[in-house]
Amino acid sequence: MAIYRFRISFEDYDDVIREIDVLPKQTFLDLHNALHAATGYNPEVPSSFYVSNDRWKKGDEIAYMPDKQKLERGVALMEQSRLSKFIDDPHQKFYYVYNFDRPFDFHVQLVKILKEEEGKEYPALFKSVGQVPKLPGTPIVPTESAAKKEGDEYDFLQETEYGINEEEDLDMLDGEEQEGAGEEADNSRDEEEY
């Protein structure tokens, strides 16, 4: 039996690529889950593949967790759609939108049709290049060097020189009070002279 090898790249991050091998009888949901196993993203969000032309123009939609409007229009569902039914070209392209709330767009292209390796489980990650971008709202995990410095206390105001040196500030206030007292004394003398 043949296998499809898809090259998947981020639309906005050309240097991040995943190549995934899948069986023609497998579904778009299998490809969706394999992609997110390779990226570490949560697969349980509304997403869609679109049959695409050579210019990545979106055509027929194959959806996961579609909204009511899409269901009423009769959109194809990932879990029911075999890959082989949507492959018309040996270099078939799909445009993939992950997470409609905060979308990432991907280009998915069939790059090879190979012979299945006996005993291998599919889908299978064939190649991984580059680090995937963090999703918006993802907490920042401290790096090793930051973790080593954890014992050191970081004083934002002091380190950024926005802090107030209390001694200087108090000295400045004392000077202002003395100047103000001197002015009041001068004003009272002026009034006495008239």
Protein backbone atom coordinates (compact mmCIF):
# COMPACT_ATOMS: atom_id res chain seq x y z
CA MET A 1 0.00 0.00 0.00
CA ALA A 2 1.15 3.57 -0.69
CA ILE A 3 1.69 6.33 1.84
CA TYR A 4 1.39 10.08 1.42
CA ARG A 5 4.18 12.33 2.64
CA PHE A 6 2.93 15.83 3.41
CA ARG A 7 5.19 18.82 3.97
CA ILE A 8 3.59 21.22 6.42
CA SER A 9 4.92 24.73 6.89
CA PHE A 10 3.68 27.81 8.70
CA GLU A 11 2.51 30.51 6.34
CA ASP A 12 4.40 33.20 8.30
CA TYR A 13 7.39 31.09 9.41
CA ASP A 14 9.02 29.51 6.35
CA ASP A 15 11.87 28.01 8.36
CA VAL A 16 9.54 25.76 10.41
CA ILE A 17 8.65 22.54 8.59
CA ARG A 18 7.16 19.19 9.52
CA GLU A 19 6.90 16.24 7.14
CA ILE A 20 4.34 13.63 8.08
CA ASP A 21 3.64 10.25 6.46
CA VAL A 22 0.01 9.07 6.41
CA LEU A 23 -1.95 6.28 4.79
CA PRO A 24 -4.44 7.23 2.05
CA LYS A 25 -7.24 5.51 4.01
CA GLN A 26 -6.59 7.71 7.05
CA THR A 27 -8.66 10.82 7.69
CA PHE A 28 -7.92 14.51 7.88
CA LEU A 29 -8.42 14.18 11.64
CA ASP A 30 -5.48 11.74 11.71
CA LEU A 31 -3.34 14.31 9.87
CA HIS A 32 -4.61 17.11 12.15
CA ASN A 33 -3.68 15.12 15.28
CA ALA A 34 -0.29 14.10 13.86
CA LEU A 35 0.52 17.73 13.08
CA HIS A 36 -0.27 18.78 16.64
CA ALA A 37 1.67 15.87 18.10
CA ALA A 38 4.63 17.26 16.10
CA THR A 39 4.07 20.90 17.15
CA GLY A 40 2.87 20.45 20.72
CA TYR A 41 -0.27 22.53 20.07
CA ASN A 42 -3.64 21.55 21.50
CA PRO A 43 -5.57 19.68 18.78
CA GLU A 44 -8.94 20.22 20.47
CA VAL A 45 -9.78 23.57 18.87
CA PRO A 46 -11.86 24.39 15.77
CA SER A 47 -9.66 24.07 12.69
CA SER A 48 -10.09 23.45 8.97
CA PHE A 49 -8.28 22.13 5.93
CA TYR A 50 -9.19 23.69 2.58
CA VAL A 51 -8.54 22.00 -0.75
CA SER A 52 -6.23 24.48 -2.42
CA ASN A 53 -4.82 25.38 -5.80
CA ASP A 54 -1.18 26.18 -6.66
CA ARG A 55 -1.62 29.74 -5.33
CA TRP A 56 -3.00 28.52 -1.99
CA LYS A 57 -6.50 29.78 -2.75
CA LYS A 58 -9.03 28.13 -0.44
CA GLY A 59 -11.54 25.74 -1.95
CA ASP A 60 -13.73 23.07 -0.30
CA GLU A 61 -13.50 23.02 3.48
CA ILE A 62 -12.91 19.99 5.70
CA ALA A 63 -13.62 21.08 9.30
CA TYR A 64 -12.98 19.94 12.85
CA MET A 65 -15.39 21.15 15.54
CA PRO A 66 -17.33 23.32 13.05
CA ASP A 67 -19.83 25.94 14.20
CA LYS A 68 -23.56 25.61 13.56
CA GLN A 69 -23.47 27.65 10.33
CA LYS A 70 -20.84 25.39 8.78
CA LEU A 71 -22.80 22.30 9.79
CA GLU A 72 -25.95 23.72 8.20
CA ARG A 73 -24.01 24.33 4.97
CA GLY A 74 -22.99 20.67 4.98
CA VAL A 75 -19.25 21.14 5.50
CA ALA A 76 -17.17 17.95 5.30
CA LEU A 77 -15.93 16.75 8.70
CA MET A 78 -12.31 15.76 9.30
CA GLU A 79 -13.22 12.59 11.16
CA GLN A 80 -15.34 11.37 8.21
CA SER A 81 -13.12 12.52 5.33
CA ARG A 82 -10.46 10.16 3.98
CA LEU A 83 -7.39 11.81 2.56
CA SER A 84 -7.56 9.78 -0.68
CA LYS A 85 -10.95 11.30 -1.60
CA PHE A 86 -9.40 14.78 -1.77
CA ILE A 87 -6.15 13.96 -3.59
CA ASP A 88 -6.53 14.82 -7.29
CA ASP A 89 -2.93 15.82 -7.96
CA PRO A 90 0.41 14.17 -7.05
CA HIS A 91 1.36 17.56 -5.53
CA GLN A 92 -2.03 18.31 -3.96
CA LYS A 93 -2.11 21.35 -1.69
CA PHE A 94 -4.26 22.12 1.31
CA TYR A 95 -4.51 25.37 3.21
CA TYR A 96 -4.90 24.68 6.93
CA VAL A 97 -6.21 27.10 9.56
CA TYR A 98 -5.57 26.12 13.16
CA ASN A 99 -7.70 27.66 15.91
CA PHE A 100 -10.07 30.25 14.45
CA ASP A 101 -10.00 32.30 17.69
CA ARG A 102 -6.25 32.94 17.38
CA PRO A 103 -5.36 31.44 14.03
CA PHE A 104 -2.15 30.07 12.65
CA ASP A 105 -2.17 29.33 8.93
CA PHE A 106 -0.28 26.43 7.39
CA HIS A 107 0.56 25.25 3.90
CA VAL A 108 0.14 21.49 3.54
CA GLN A 109 1.50 19.93 0.37
CA LEU A 110 1.73 16.35 -0.82
CA VAL A 111 5.42 16.00 -1.72
CA LYS A 112 5.80 12.24 -2.26
CA ILE A 113 3.84 9.06 -2.66
CA LEU A 114 5.90 6.24 -1.20
CA LYS A 115 5.61 2.56 -0.45
CA GLU A 116 4.38 1.70 3.04
CA GLU A 117 7.03 0.35 5.40
CA GLU A 118 5.96 -2.93 6.92
CA GLY A 119 5.39 -2.81 10.68
CA LYS A 120 5.47 1.00 10.86
CA GLU A 121 2.57 2.86 12.47
CA TYR A 122 1.01 5.76 10.61
CA PRO A 123 0.70 8.70 10.75
CA ALA A 124 4.42 9.11 11.42
CA LEU A 125 6.60 12.18 11.71
CA PHE A 126 9.32 11.89 9.04
CA LYS A 127 11.10 15.22 9.40
CA SER A 128 11.08 18.15 11.82
CA VAL A 129 12.89 21.42 11.03
CA GLY A 130 12.78 24.56 13.18
CA GLN A 131 11.10 25.46 16.43
CA VAL A 132 7.39 26.19 16.31
CA PRO A 133 6.30 29.67 17.40
CA LYS A 134 4.61 30.06 20.74
CA LEU A 135 0.88 30.50 20.64
CA PRO A 136 -0.51 33.86 21.79
CA GLY A 137 -1.28 33.72 25.50
CA THR A 138 1.18 30.88 26.14
CA PRO A 139 2.98 31.36 29.44
CA ILE A 140 6.71 31.97 29.13
CA VAL A 141 8.68 29.11 30.64
CA PRO A 142 11.94 30.24 32.22
CA THR A 143 15.12 29.06 30.53
CA GLU A 144 17.89 27.23 32.39
CA SER A 145 19.94 30.39 32.82
CA ALA A 146 16.92 32.21 34.23
CA ALA A 147 16.24 29.32 36.59
CA LYS A 148 19.82 29.49 37.91
CA LYS A 149 19.36 33.18 38.70
CA GLU A 150 16.11 32.45 40.52
CA GLY A 151 17.88 32.64 43.91
CA ASP A 152 18.99 36.18 43.12
CA GLU A 153 16.39 38.76 43.94
CA TYR A 154 15.68 41.05 41.05
CA ASP A 155 14.62 44.56 41.97
CA PHE A 156 12.98 46.06 38.89
CA LEU A 157 13.10 49.64 40.13
CA GLN A 158 16.71 49.40 41.24
CA GLU A 159 17.93 47.50 38.16
CA THR A 160 16.22 49.87 35.74
CA GLU A 161 17.27 53.01 37.64
CA TYR A 162 13.66 54.03 38.10
CA GLY A 163 13.93 53.61 41.84
CA ILE A 164 13.97 56.50 44.25
CA ASN A 165 17.03 56.96 46.38
CA GLU A 166 15.31 57.83 49.65
CA GLU A 167 18.26 59.79 51.07
CA GLU A 168 18.51 62.03 47.99
CA ASP A 169 14.75 62.49 47.92
CA LEU A 170 14.57 63.48 51.58
CA ASP A 171 17.50 65.87 51.19
CA MET A 172 15.73 67.51 48.26
CA LEU A 173 12.57 67.90 50.35
CA ASP A 174 14.54 69.45 53.21
CA GLY A 175 16.02 71.99 50.79
CA GLU A 176 12.57 72.88 49.45
CA GLU A 177 11.16 73.32 52.96
CA GLN A 178 14.05 75.57 53.96
CA GLU A 179 13.66 77.66 50.81
CA GLY A 180 9.94 77.98 51.46
CA ALA A 181 10.53 79.05 55.08
CA GLY A 182 13.05 81.66 53.94
CA GLU A 183 10.59 83.07 51.40
CA GLU A 184 7.89 83.37 54.07
CA ALA A 185 10.26 85.29 56.35
CA ASP A 186 11.20 87.61 53.46
CA ASN A 187 7.50 88.20 52.68
CA SER A 188 6.71 89.13 56.30
CA ARG A 189 9.62 91.64 56.35
CA ASP A 190 8.37 93.19 53.12
CA GLU A 191 4.91 93.63 54.61
CA GLU A 192 6.32 95.32 57.73
CA GLU A 193 8.22 97.87 55.65
CA TYR A 194 5.05 99.19 54.00
